[in-house]
Amino acid sequence: MIRFGTNPIAWSNDDDWSIGDHLSLEDCLEDCRKIGFDGIEKGHKMPNEGAELKAKLGEYGLAFVGGWHSTNILAAGSTIEAEIAAMDVHLDMTKAAGSDVIIVCECSNTVHGNDSAAANDRPRMSEEEWPRFMDAINALATHAAGRGVRFCYHHHTGTVVESAEEIDRFMALAGPDTKLLLDTGHCTVGGADPAAVAEKYMDRVGHIHCKNVRPDFLKRLREENWSFLEGVRRGLFTVPGDEDGVVDFAPVLKTAAKAGYSGWIVIEAEQDSSVREPFRYQSLGLETLKAISKEAGLIP
């Protein structure tokens, strides 16, 4: 089954809380109801207790898609026991809120939330760190699977898994319980082709983020050494259907249909909501994705 969701970062940003501070959670959820989304991912304005979160979203006819969990595997002194304990808190919330998806990203050394660090100056793993990192990721994924939750790793700008080569290496070392969160926008920013990543790994994709990229701002992000957050504020990302964007979603969704993908397709496109009105952009994104999905044979 395919369900369409969104992320509240189109309304209020989770890395820079000043973006969208003028909008309430209720503003966001009411928009989502009117637009016709099936569900929404976690945002910082939402309740942190699972049953309360489920009830709040239910008031607007929305399901809980899942939420971001930061790992700290590469931090000094990190242990797998501590990582499992931290993830269990998130898994408890996830299950109580009615979801079976956890979105995971290594954040011990990321720069994507650091406004004083250029996105170009992101961390890269050493040869010695890769096996230690992947052993821990696979152990966490197996633990999550044992609790009935799909562990989806998010390759992301500014982190240790960003480029096409890093995605390939990650997937080569990933165990059977470690699923890929395929993000079309972060593929593009990291220099990977989303269609090629989909073709290689769709049978191991557990979650899909459909994010569009404005190429002029991507060029400036790299050439002018912007921080990731500066890119977001300027307009690096947008939604499917926006003519300013360059991501071709059709081949990704056709590959998803061919592979029998079942799960969420989420518009995760952070923009400055004081400049780019969320209702208009998210409506365009959902309309576009549904049309492409129907043409691709992903939905009837």
C-alpha atoms as a PDB file:
ATOM      1  CA  MET A   1       0.000   0.000   0.000  1.00  0.00           C
ATOM      2  CA  ILE A   2       1.194   3.494  -0.845  1.00  0.00           C
ATOM      3  CA  ARG A   3       0.451   6.378   1.487  1.00  0.00           C
ATOM      4  CA  PHE A   4       1.408  10.002   0.953  1.00  0.00           C
ATOM      5  CA  GLY A   5       2.825  12.083   3.762  1.00  0.00           C
ATOM      6  CA  THR A   6       4.642  15.287   4.496  1.00  0.00           C
ATOM      7  CA  ASN A   7       7.036  16.714   7.048  1.00  0.00           C
ATOM      8  CA  PRO A   8       6.352  19.782   9.217  1.00  0.00           C
ATOM      9  CA  ILE A   9       9.694  21.355   8.220  1.00  0.00           C
ATOM     10  CA  ALA A  10       7.805  22.938   5.326  1.00  0.00           C
ATOM     11  CA  TRP A  11       6.046  24.976   8.013  1.00  0.00           C
ATOM     12  CA  SER A  12       8.517  25.135  10.938  1.00  0.00           C
ATOM     13  CA  ASN A  13      12.152  24.079  10.600  1.00  0.00           C
ATOM     14  CA  ASP A  14      13.638  21.607  13.065  1.00  0.00           C
ATOM     15  CA  ASP A  15      17.259  22.752  12.704  1.00  0.00           C
ATOM     16  CA  ASP A  16      16.579  26.492  12.836  1.00  0.00           C
ATOM     17  CA  TRP A  17      13.517  27.106  14.979  1.00  0.00           C
ATOM     18  CA  SER A  18      13.322  30.738  13.866  1.00  0.00           C
ATOM     19  CA  ILE A  19      12.154  29.527  10.444  1.00  0.00           C
ATOM     20  CA  GLY A  20       8.402  29.132  10.730  1.00  0.00           C
ATOM     21  CA  ASP A  21       8.216  30.338  14.312  1.00  0.00           C
ATOM     22  CA  HIS A  22       5.179  32.399  13.292  1.00  0.00           C
ATOM     23  CA  LEU A  23       3.187  29.240  12.519  1.00  0.00           C
ATOM     24  CA  SER A  24       1.576  26.967  15.098  1.00  0.00           C
ATOM     25  CA  LEU A  25       1.329  23.198  15.022  1.00  0.00           C
ATOM     26  CA  GLU A  26      -2.388  23.625  14.413  1.00  0.00           C
ATOM     27  CA  ASP A  27      -1.687  25.797  11.354  1.00  0.00           C
ATOM     28  CA  CYS A  28       0.429  22.991   9.937  1.00  0.00           C
ATOM     29  CA  LEU A  29      -1.985  20.175  10.696  1.00  0.00           C
ATOM     30  CA  GLU A  30      -5.008  22.047   9.396  1.00  0.00           C
ATOM     31  CA  ASP A  31      -3.175  22.681   6.125  1.00  0.00           C
ATOM     32  CA  CYS A  32      -2.317  18.976   5.903  1.00  0.00           C
ATOM     33  CA  ARG A  33      -5.930  17.996   6.407  1.00  0.00           C
ATOM     34  CA  LYS A  34      -7.150  20.407   3.736  1.00  0.00           C
ATOM     35  CA  ILE A  35      -4.450  19.353   1.263  1.00  0.00           C
ATOM     36  CA  GLY A  36      -5.291  15.666   1.733  1.00  0.00           C
ATOM     37  CA  PHE A  37      -2.158  14.067   3.170  1.00  0.00           C
ATOM     38  CA  ASP A  38      -2.483  10.649   4.795  1.00  0.00           C
ATOM     39  CA  GLY A  39       0.107  11.367   7.452  1.00  0.00           C
ATOM     40  CA  ILE A  40       2.983  13.473   8.687  1.00  0.00           C
ATOM     41  CA  GLU A  41       6.444  12.965  10.151  1.00  0.00           C
ATOM     42  CA  LYS A  42       7.583  14.248  13.547  1.00  0.00           C
ATOM     43  CA  GLY A  43       8.373  17.886  14.188  1.00  0.00           C
ATOM     44  CA  HIS A  44       9.577  19.793  17.234  1.00  0.00           C
ATOM     45  CA  LYS A  45       6.195  21.423  17.880  1.00  0.00           C
ATOM     46  CA  MET A  46       4.496  18.040  18.232  1.00  0.00           C
ATOM     47  CA  PRO A  47       3.954  16.156  21.509  1.00  0.00           C
ATOM     48  CA  ASN A  48       6.852  13.852  22.421  1.00  0.00           C
ATOM     49  CA  GLU A  49       4.704  11.221  24.102  1.00  0.00           C
ATOM     50  CA  GLY A  50       3.444   8.653  21.617  1.00  0.00           C
ATOM     51  CA  ALA A  51      -0.198   8.283  22.650  1.00  0.00           C
ATOM     52  CA  GLU A  52      -0.578  12.058  22.931  1.00  0.00           C
ATOM     53  CA  LEU A  53       0.998  12.495  19.495  1.00  0.00           C
ATOM     54  CA  LYS A  54      -1.319   9.907  17.951  1.00  0.00           C
ATOM     55  CA  ALA A  55      -4.356  11.611  19.452  1.00  0.00           C
ATOM     56  CA  LYS A  56      -3.270  15.068  18.286  1.00  0.00           C
ATOM     57  CA  LEU A  57      -2.714  13.948  14.712  1.00  0.00           C
ATOM     58  CA  GLY A  58      -5.957  11.985  14.821  1.00  0.00           C
ATOM     59  CA  GLU A  59      -7.869  15.215  15.428  1.00  0.00           C
ATOM     60  CA  TYR A  60      -6.881  16.151  11.878  1.00  0.00           C
ATOM     61  CA  GLY A  61      -7.333  12.725  10.286  1.00  0.00           C
ATOM     62  CA  LEU A  62      -3.570  12.171  10.017  1.00  0.00           C
ATOM     63  CA  ALA A  63      -1.438   9.135  10.781  1.00  0.00           C
ATOM     64  CA  PHE A  64       2.033   9.350  12.282  1.00  0.00           C
ATOM     65  CA  VAL A  65       4.549   8.496   9.553  1.00  0.00           C
ATOM     66  CA  GLY A  66       7.657   8.254  11.734  1.00  0.00           C
ATOM     67  CA  GLY A  67      10.384  10.464  13.099  1.00  0.00           C
ATOM     68  CA  TRP A  68      14.074  11.303  12.978  1.00  0.00           C
ATOM     69  CA  HIS A  69      16.455   9.643  15.446  1.00  0.00           C
ATOM     70  CA  SER A  70      20.069  10.822  15.715  1.00  0.00           C
ATOM     71  CA  THR A  71      22.744   8.241  16.437  1.00  0.00           C
ATOM     72  CA  ASN A  72      26.101   9.121  18.008  1.00  0.00           C
ATOM     73  CA  ILE A  73      28.054   6.030  17.045  1.00  0.00           C
ATOM     74  CA  LEU A  74      31.241   7.885  16.084  1.00  0.00           C
ATOM     75  CA  ALA A  75      31.343   9.985  19.245  1.00  0.00           C
ATOM     76  CA  ALA A  76      34.159   9.335  21.700  1.00  0.00           C
ATOM     77  CA  GLY A  77      33.095   6.800  24.316  1.00  0.00           C
ATOM     78  CA  SER A  78      29.979   5.711  22.434  1.00  0.00           C
ATOM     79  CA  THR A  79      28.776   2.164  23.171  1.00  0.00           C
ATOM     80  CA  ILE A  80      26.211   0.009  21.423  1.00  0.00           C
ATOM     81  CA  GLU A  81      24.384  -0.417  24.730  1.00  0.00           C
ATOM     82  CA  ALA A  82      23.958   3.354  25.055  1.00  0.00           C
ATOM     83  CA  GLU A  83      22.846   3.637  21.432  1.00  0.00           C
ATOM     84  CA  ILE A  84      20.234   0.901  21.864  1.00  0.00           C
ATOM     85  CA  ALA A  85      18.957   2.492  25.062  1.00  0.00           C
ATOM     86  CA  ALA A  86      18.597   5.873  23.348  1.00  0.00           C
ATOM     87  CA  MET A  87      16.865   4.337  20.344  1.00  0.00           C
ATOM     88  CA  ASP A  88      14.475   2.370  22.556  1.00  0.00           C
ATOM     89  CA  VAL A  89      13.037   5.632  23.883  1.00  0.00           C
ATOM     90  CA  HIS A  90      12.310   6.668  20.302  1.00  0.00           C
ATOM     91  CA  LEU A  91      10.916   3.232  19.435  1.00  0.00           C
ATOM     92  CA  ASP A  92       8.548   3.391  22.409  1.00  0.00           C
ATOM     93  CA  MET A  93       7.230   6.730  21.154  1.00  0.00           C
ATOM     94  CA  THR A  94       7.020   5.477  17.565  1.00  0.00           C
ATOM     95  CA  LYS A  95       4.980   2.398  18.390  1.00  0.00           C
ATOM     96  CA  ALA A  96       2.677   4.238  20.783  1.00  0.00           C
ATOM     97  CA  ALA A  97       2.025   6.814  18.056  1.00  0.00           C
ATOM     98  CA  GLY A  98       1.063   4.063  15.611  1.00  0.00           C
ATOM     99  CA  SER A  99       4.086   3.964  13.310  1.00  0.00           C
ATOM    100  CA  ASP A 100       6.475   1.188  12.307  1.00  0.00           C
ATOM    101  CA  VAL A 101       9.170   3.443  10.784  1.00  0.00           C
ATOM    102  CA  ILE A 102      12.255   4.994  12.364  1.00  0.00           C
ATOM    103  CA  ILE A 103      14.376   7.465  10.396  1.00  0.00           C
ATOM    104  CA  VAL A 104      18.004   7.241  11.461  1.00  0.00           C
ATOM    105  CA  CYS A 105      21.026   9.424  10.757  1.00  0.00           C
ATOM    106  CA  GLU A 106      24.484   9.627  12.349  1.00  0.00           C
ATOM    107  CA  CYS A 107      24.738  13.079  13.918  1.00  0.00           C
ATOM    108  CA  SER A 108      27.738  12.928  16.247  1.00  0.00           C
ATOM    109  CA  ASN A 109      29.767  15.019  13.830  1.00  0.00           C
ATOM    110  CA  THR A 110      27.288  16.388  11.309  1.00  0.00           C
ATOM    111  CA  VAL A 111      27.416  20.000  10.111  1.00  0.00           C
ATOM    112  CA  HIS A 112      23.909  20.244   8.686  1.00  0.00           C
ATOM    113  CA  GLY A 113      22.550  21.938  11.802  1.00  0.00           C
ATOM    114  CA  ASN A 114      25.573  24.190  12.310  1.00  0.00           C
ATOM    115  CA  ASP A 115      25.091  27.603  10.748  1.00  0.00           C
ATOM    116  CA  SER A 116      28.765  28.486  11.198  1.00  0.00           C
ATOM    117  CA  ALA A 117      30.015  25.447   9.238  1.00  0.00           C
ATOM    118  CA  ALA A 118      29.982  25.186   5.442  1.00  0.00           C
ATOM    119  CA  ALA A 119      28.136  22.208   4.012  1.00  0.00           C
ATOM    120  CA  ASN A 120      31.340  21.498   2.074  1.00  0.00           C
ATOM    121  CA  ASP A 121      33.199  20.961   5.361  1.00  0.00           C
ATOM    122  CA  ARG A 122      31.223  17.890   6.315  1.00  0.00           C
ATOM    123  CA  PRO A 123      32.810  14.908   8.076  1.00  0.00           C
ATOM    124  CA  ARG A 124      34.103  11.863   6.218  1.00  0.00           C
ATOM    125  CA  MET A 125      34.746   8.472   7.747  1.00  0.00           C
ATOM    126  CA  SER A 126      38.196   6.943   7.857  1.00  0.00           C
ATOM    127  CA  GLU A 127      38.825   3.377   6.724  1.00  0.00           C
ATOM    128  CA  GLU A 128      38.916   2.344  10.384  1.00  0.00           C
ATOM    129  CA  GLU A 129      35.603   4.029  11.185  1.00  0.00           C
ATOM    130  CA  TRP A 130      33.510   2.441   8.429  1.00  0.00           C
ATOM    131  CA  PRO A 131      33.357  -1.118   9.864  1.00  0.00           C
ATOM    132  CA  ARG A 132      32.777   0.133  13.415  1.00  0.00           C
ATOM    133  CA  PHE A 133      30.016   2.397  12.204  1.00  0.00           C
ATOM    134  CA  MET A 134      28.311  -0.265  10.114  1.00  0.00           C
ATOM    135  CA  ASP A 135      28.535  -2.934  12.825  1.00  0.00           C
ATOM    136  CA  ALA A 136      26.656  -0.588  15.131  1.00  0.00           C
ATOM    137  CA  ILE A 137      24.119   0.437  12.466  1.00  0.00           C
ATOM    138  CA  ASN A 138      23.344  -3.189  11.676  1.00  0.00           C
ATOM    139  CA  ALA A 139      23.013  -4.067  15.362  1.00  0.00           C
ATOM    140  CA  LEU A 140      20.595  -1.184  15.876  1.00  0.00           C
ATOM    141  CA  ALA A 141      18.601  -2.186  12.795  1.00  0.00           C
ATOM    142  CA  THR A 142      18.276  -5.759  14.021  1.00  0.00           C
ATOM    143  CA  HIS A 143      17.150  -4.516  17.416  1.00  0.00           C
ATOM    144  CA  ALA A 144      14.527  -2.272  15.799  1.00  0.00           C
ATOM    145  CA  ALA A 145      13.328  -5.123  13.583  1.00  0.00           C
ATOM    146  CA  GLY A 146      12.920  -7.261  16.682  1.00  0.00           C
ATOM    147  CA  ARG A 147      10.554  -4.641  17.994  1.00  0.00           C
ATOM    148  CA  GLY A 148       8.587  -4.553  14.735  1.00  0.00           C
ATOM    149  CA  VAL A 149       9.988  -1.275  13.427  1.00  0.00           C
ATOM    150  CA  ARG A 150      11.584  -0.659  10.043  1.00  0.00           C
ATOM    151  CA  PHE A 151      15.021   0.940  10.446  1.00  0.00           C
ATOM    152  CA  CYS A 152      15.550   3.407   7.577  1.00  0.00           C
ATOM    153  CA  TYR A 153      18.912   5.132   7.275  1.00  0.00           C
ATOM    154  CA  HIS A 154      18.813   8.677   5.903  1.00  0.00           C
ATOM    155  CA  HIS A 155      21.749   9.667   3.686  1.00  0.00           C
ATOM    156  CA  HIS A 156      21.923  13.415   4.249  1.00  0.00           C
ATOM    157  CA  THR A 157      23.814  16.538   3.236  1.00  0.00           C
ATOM    158  CA  GLY A 158      26.464  17.465   5.800  1.00  0.00           C
ATOM    159  CA  THR A 159      26.826  13.970   7.248  1.00  0.00           C
ATOM    160  CA  VAL A 160      29.143  10.978   6.840  1.00  0.00           C
ATOM    161  CA  VAL A 161      26.823   9.347   4.270  1.00  0.00           C
ATOM    162  CA  GLU A 162      26.176  11.954   1.581  1.00  0.00           C
ATOM    163  CA  SER A 163      27.822  11.089  -1.748  1.00  0.00           C
ATOM    164  CA  ALA A 164      26.981   8.384  -4.288  1.00  0.00           C
ATOM    165  CA  GLU A 165      30.136   6.513  -3.293  1.00  0.00           C
ATOM    166  CA  GLU A 166      29.200   6.655   0.390  1.00  0.00           C
ATOM    167  CA  ILE A 167      25.673   5.444  -0.302  1.00  0.00           C
ATOM    168  CA  ASP A 168      27.127   2.531  -2.269  1.00  0.00           C
ATOM    169  CA  ARG A 169      29.581   1.658   0.480  1.00  0.00           C
ATOM    170  CA  PHE A 170      26.866   1.923   3.117  1.00  0.00           C
ATOM    171  CA  MET A 171      24.585  -0.427   1.181  1.00  0.00           C
ATOM    172  CA  ALA A 172      27.405  -2.891   0.502  1.00  0.00           C
ATOM    173  CA  LEU A 173      27.912  -3.244   4.260  1.00  0.00           C
ATOM    174  CA  ALA A 174      24.266  -2.979   5.307  1.00  0.00           C
ATOM    175  CA  GLY A 175      22.645  -6.054   6.815  1.00  0.00           C
ATOM    176  CA  PRO A 176      19.184  -7.390   5.940  1.00  0.00           C
ATOM    177  CA  ASP A 177      17.429  -5.293   8.604  1.00  0.00           C
ATOM    178  CA  THR A 178      19.079  -2.028   7.525  1.00  0.00           C
ATOM    179  CA  LYS A 179      16.877  -0.248   4.992  1.00  0.00           C
ATOM    180  CA  LEU A 180      17.700   2.842   2.954  1.00  0.00           C
ATOM    181  CA  LEU A 181      15.714   6.032   3.176  1.00  0.00           C
ATOM    182  CA  LEU A 182      15.929   7.262  -0.403  1.00  0.00           C
ATOM    183  CA  ASP A 183      15.854  11.056  -0.479  1.00  0.00           C
ATOM    184  CA  THR A 184      15.804  12.471  -4.001  1.00  0.00           C
ATOM    185  CA  GLY A 185      16.925  15.929  -2.898  1.00  0.00           C
ATOM    186  CA  HIS A 186      19.836  14.831  -0.735  1.00  0.00           C
ATOM    187  CA  CYS A 187      20.939  12.485  -3.531  1.00  0.00           C
ATOM    188  CA  THR A 188      21.050  15.449  -5.885  1.00  0.00           C
ATOM    189  CA  VAL A 189      22.875  17.765  -3.481  1.00  0.00           C
ATOM    190  CA  GLY A 190      25.392  15.016  -2.709  1.00  0.00           C
ATOM    191  CA  GLY A 191      26.143  14.437  -6.392  1.00  0.00           C
ATOM    192  CA  ALA A 192      24.207  11.174  -6.753  1.00  0.00           C
ATOM    193  CA  ASP A 193      21.548  10.428  -9.358  1.00  0.00           C
ATOM    194  CA  PRO A 194      18.296   9.571  -7.540  1.00  0.00           C
ATOM    195  CA  ALA A 195      17.127   7.387 -10.430  1.00  0.00           C
ATOM    196  CA  ALA A 196      20.381   5.399 -10.363  1.00  0.00           C
ATOM    197  CA  VAL A 197      20.213   4.954  -6.585  1.00  0.00           C
ATOM    198  CA  ALA A 198      16.602   3.808  -6.927  1.00  0.00           C
ATOM    199  CA  GLU A 199      17.533   1.333  -9.659  1.00  0.00           C
ATOM    200  CA  LYS A 200      20.311  -0.162  -7.542  1.00  0.00           C
ATOM    201  CA  TYR A 201      18.582  -0.377  -4.184  1.00  0.00           C
ATOM    202  CA  MET A 202      14.807  -0.065  -4.444  1.00  0.00           C
ATOM    203  CA  ASP A 203      14.293  -3.606  -3.153  1.00  0.00           C
ATOM    204  CA  ARG A 204      16.062  -2.441   0.024  1.00  0.00           C
ATOM    205  CA  VAL A 205      14.410   0.969   0.328  1.00  0.00           C
ATOM    206  CA  GLY A 206      12.197   1.293   3.388  1.00  0.00           C
ATOM    207  CA  HIS A 207      11.088   4.905   3.046  1.00  0.00           C
ATOM    208  CA  ILE A 208      11.042   7.582   0.332  1.00  0.00           C
ATOM    209  CA  HIS A 209      11.478  11.349   0.650  1.00  0.00           C
ATOM    210  CA  CYS A 210      10.592  13.337  -2.443  1.00  0.00           C
ATOM    211  CA  LYS A 211      12.496  16.610  -2.328  1.00  0.00           C
ATOM    212  CA  ASN A 212      13.224  18.900  -5.259  1.00  0.00           C
ATOM    213  CA  VAL A 213      16.372  21.044  -5.699  1.00  0.00           C
ATOM    214  CA  ARG A 214      16.860  24.484  -7.207  1.00  0.00           C
ATOM    215  CA  PRO A 215      20.139  24.205  -9.165  1.00  0.00           C
ATOM    216  CA  ASP A 216      21.143  27.864  -8.909  1.00  0.00           C
ATOM    217  CA  PHE A 217      21.133  27.660  -5.133  1.00  0.00           C
ATOM    218  CA  LEU A 218      22.941  24.311  -5.162  1.00  0.00           C
ATOM    219  CA  LYS A 219      25.697  25.903  -7.235  1.00  0.00           C
ATOM    220  CA  ARG A 220      25.990  28.756  -4.765  1.00  0.00           C
ATOM    221  CA  LEU A 221      25.923  26.387  -1.774  1.00  0.00           C
ATOM    222  CA  ARG A 222      29.064  24.733  -3.116  1.00  0.00           C
ATOM    223  CA  GLU A 223      30.855  27.712  -4.668  1.00  0.00           C
ATOM    224  CA  GLU A 224      30.161  30.225  -1.892  1.00  0.00           C
ATOM    225  CA  ASN A 225      30.612  27.769   0.984  1.00  0.00           C
ATOM    226  CA  TRP A 226      27.160  28.287   2.431  1.00  0.00           C
ATOM    227  CA  SER A 227      26.060  26.383   5.484  1.00  0.00           C
ATOM    228  CA  PHE A 228      23.296  23.865   4.891  1.00  0.00           C
ATOM    229  CA  LEU A 229      20.891  26.103   6.824  1.00  0.00           C
ATOM    230  CA  GLU A 230      21.828  29.103   4.690  1.00  0.00           C
ATOM    231  CA  GLY A 231      20.973  27.005   1.651  1.00  0.00           C
ATOM    232  CA  VAL A 232      17.597  26.155   3.162  1.00  0.00           C
ATOM    233  CA  ARG A 233      16.846  29.792   3.947  1.00  0.00           C
ATOM    234  CA  ARG A 234      17.838  30.913   0.439  1.00  0.00           C
ATOM    235  CA  GLY A 235      15.647  28.286  -1.253  1.00  0.00           C
ATOM    236  CA  LEU A 236      17.845  25.259  -2.006  1.00  0.00           C
ATOM    237  CA  PHE A 237      14.904  22.871  -1.707  1.00  0.00           C
ATOM    238  CA  THR A 238      11.398  22.874  -3.078  1.00  0.00           C
ATOM    239  CA  VAL A 239       8.561  20.462  -3.840  1.00  0.00           C
ATOM    240  CA  PRO A 240       7.818  18.127  -6.747  1.00  0.00           C
ATOM    241  CA  GLY A 241       6.119  20.048  -9.528  1.00  0.00           C
ATOM    242  CA  ASP A 242       7.975  23.304  -8.955  1.00  0.00           C
ATOM    243  CA  GLU A 243       9.460  24.350 -12.290  1.00  0.00           C
ATOM    244  CA  ASP A 244      12.457  25.839 -10.453  1.00  0.00           C
ATOM    245  CA  GLY A 245      13.552  22.327  -9.451  1.00  0.00           C
ATOM    246  CA  VAL A 246      15.606  19.834 -11.464  1.00  0.00           C
ATOM    247  CA  VAL A 247      14.771  16.464  -9.872  1.00  0.00           C
ATOM    248  CA  ASP A 248      13.012  14.017 -12.201  1.00  0.00           C
ATOM    249  CA  PHE A 249      10.692  11.996  -9.967  1.00  0.00           C
ATOM    250  CA  ALA A 250       9.176   9.784 -12.680  1.00  0.00           C
ATOM    251  CA  PRO A 251      12.033   7.248 -13.002  1.00  0.00           C
ATOM    252  CA  VAL A 252      12.297   6.913  -9.218  1.00  0.00           C
ATOM    253  CA  LEU A 253       8.601   6.175  -8.847  1.00  0.00           C
ATOM    254  CA  LYS A 254       8.562   3.874 -11.872  1.00  0.00           C
ATOM    255  CA  THR A 255      11.358   1.871 -10.270  1.00  0.00           C
ATOM    256  CA  ALA A 256       9.404   1.825  -7.012  1.00  0.00           C
ATOM    257  CA  ALA A 257       6.376   0.420  -8.833  1.00  0.00           C
ATOM    258  CA  LYS A 258       8.464  -2.190 -10.630  1.00  0.00           C
ATOM    259  CA  ALA A 259      10.025  -3.296  -7.323  1.00  0.00           C
ATOM    260  CA  GLY A 260       6.648  -3.507  -5.579  1.00  0.00           C
ATOM    261  CA  TYR A 261       7.499  -0.782  -3.085  1.00  0.00           C
ATOM    262  CA  SER A 262       4.963  -0.515  -0.274  1.00  0.00           C
ATOM    263  CA  GLY A 263       5.112   2.264   2.263  1.00  0.00           C
ATOM    264  CA  TRP A 264       5.214   6.018   2.619  1.00  0.00           C
ATOM    265  CA  ILE A 265       6.087   8.586  -0.024  1.00  0.00           C
ATOM    266  CA  VAL A 266       6.819  11.793   1.829  1.00  0.00           C
ATOM    267  CA  ILE A 267       7.281  15.362   0.624  1.00  0.00           C
ATOM    268  CA  GLU A 268      10.159  16.463   2.812  1.00  0.00           C
ATOM    269  CA  ALA A 269      11.046  19.861   1.406  1.00  0.00           C
ATOM    270  CA  GLU A 270      12.170  22.465   3.893  1.00  0.00           C
ATOM    271  CA  GLN A 271      11.700  26.074   2.834  1.00  0.00           C
ATOM    272  CA  ASP A 272      11.353  29.418   4.569  1.00  0.00           C
ATOM    273  CA  SER A 273       7.614  29.432   5.190  1.00  0.00           C
ATOM    274  CA  SER A 274       7.554  33.219   5.519  1.00  0.00           C
ATOM    275  CA  VAL A 275       8.688  33.428   1.888  1.00  0.00           C
ATOM    276  CA  ARG A 276       7.195  30.313   0.277  1.00  0.00           C
ATOM    277  CA  GLU A 277       3.695  29.652   1.519  1.00  0.00           C
ATOM    278  CA  PRO A 278       3.419  26.019   2.694  1.00  0.00           C
ATOM    279  CA  PHE A 279      -0.183  25.379   1.659  1.00  0.00           C
ATOM    280  CA  ARG A 280       0.475  26.355  -1.947  1.00  0.00           C
ATOM    281  CA  TYR A 281       3.761  24.481  -2.283  1.00  0.00           C
ATOM    282  CA  GLN A 282       2.650  21.347  -0.473  1.00  0.00           C
ATOM    283  CA  SER A 283      -0.583  21.215  -2.490  1.00  0.00           C
ATOM    284  CA  LEU A 284       1.461  21.384  -5.688  1.00  0.00           C
ATOM    285  CA  GLY A 285       3.805  18.687  -4.401  1.00  0.00           C
ATOM    286  CA  LEU A 286       1.075  16.217  -3.494  1.00  0.00           C
ATOM    287  CA  GLU A 287      -0.870  16.783  -6.720  1.00  0.00           C
ATOM    288  CA  THR A 288       2.310  16.216  -8.723  1.00  0.00           C
ATOM    289  CA  LEU A 289       3.398  13.107  -6.852  1.00  0.00           C
ATOM    290  CA  LYS A 290      -0.019  11.482  -7.147  1.00  0.00           C
ATOM    291  CA  ALA A 291      -0.127  12.148 -10.888  1.00  0.00           C
ATOM    292  CA  ILE A 292       3.368  10.731 -11.429  1.00  0.00           C
ATOM    293  CA  SER A 293       2.640   7.748  -9.161  1.00  0.00           C
ATOM    294  CA  LYS A 294      -0.504   6.929 -11.116  1.00  0.00           C
ATOM    295  CA  GLU A 295       1.318   7.142 -14.427  1.00  0.00           C
ATOM    296  CA  ALA A 296       4.104   4.971 -13.025  1.00  0.00           C
ATOM    297  CA  GLY A 297       1.634   2.297 -11.918  1.00  0.00           C
ATOM    298  CA  LEU A 298       2.418   2.816  -8.248  1.00  0.00           C
ATOM    299  CA  ILE A 299      -1.183   3.716  -7.410  1.00  0.00           C
ATOM    300  CA  PRO A 300      -4.416   2.934  -9.308  1.00  0.00           C
END
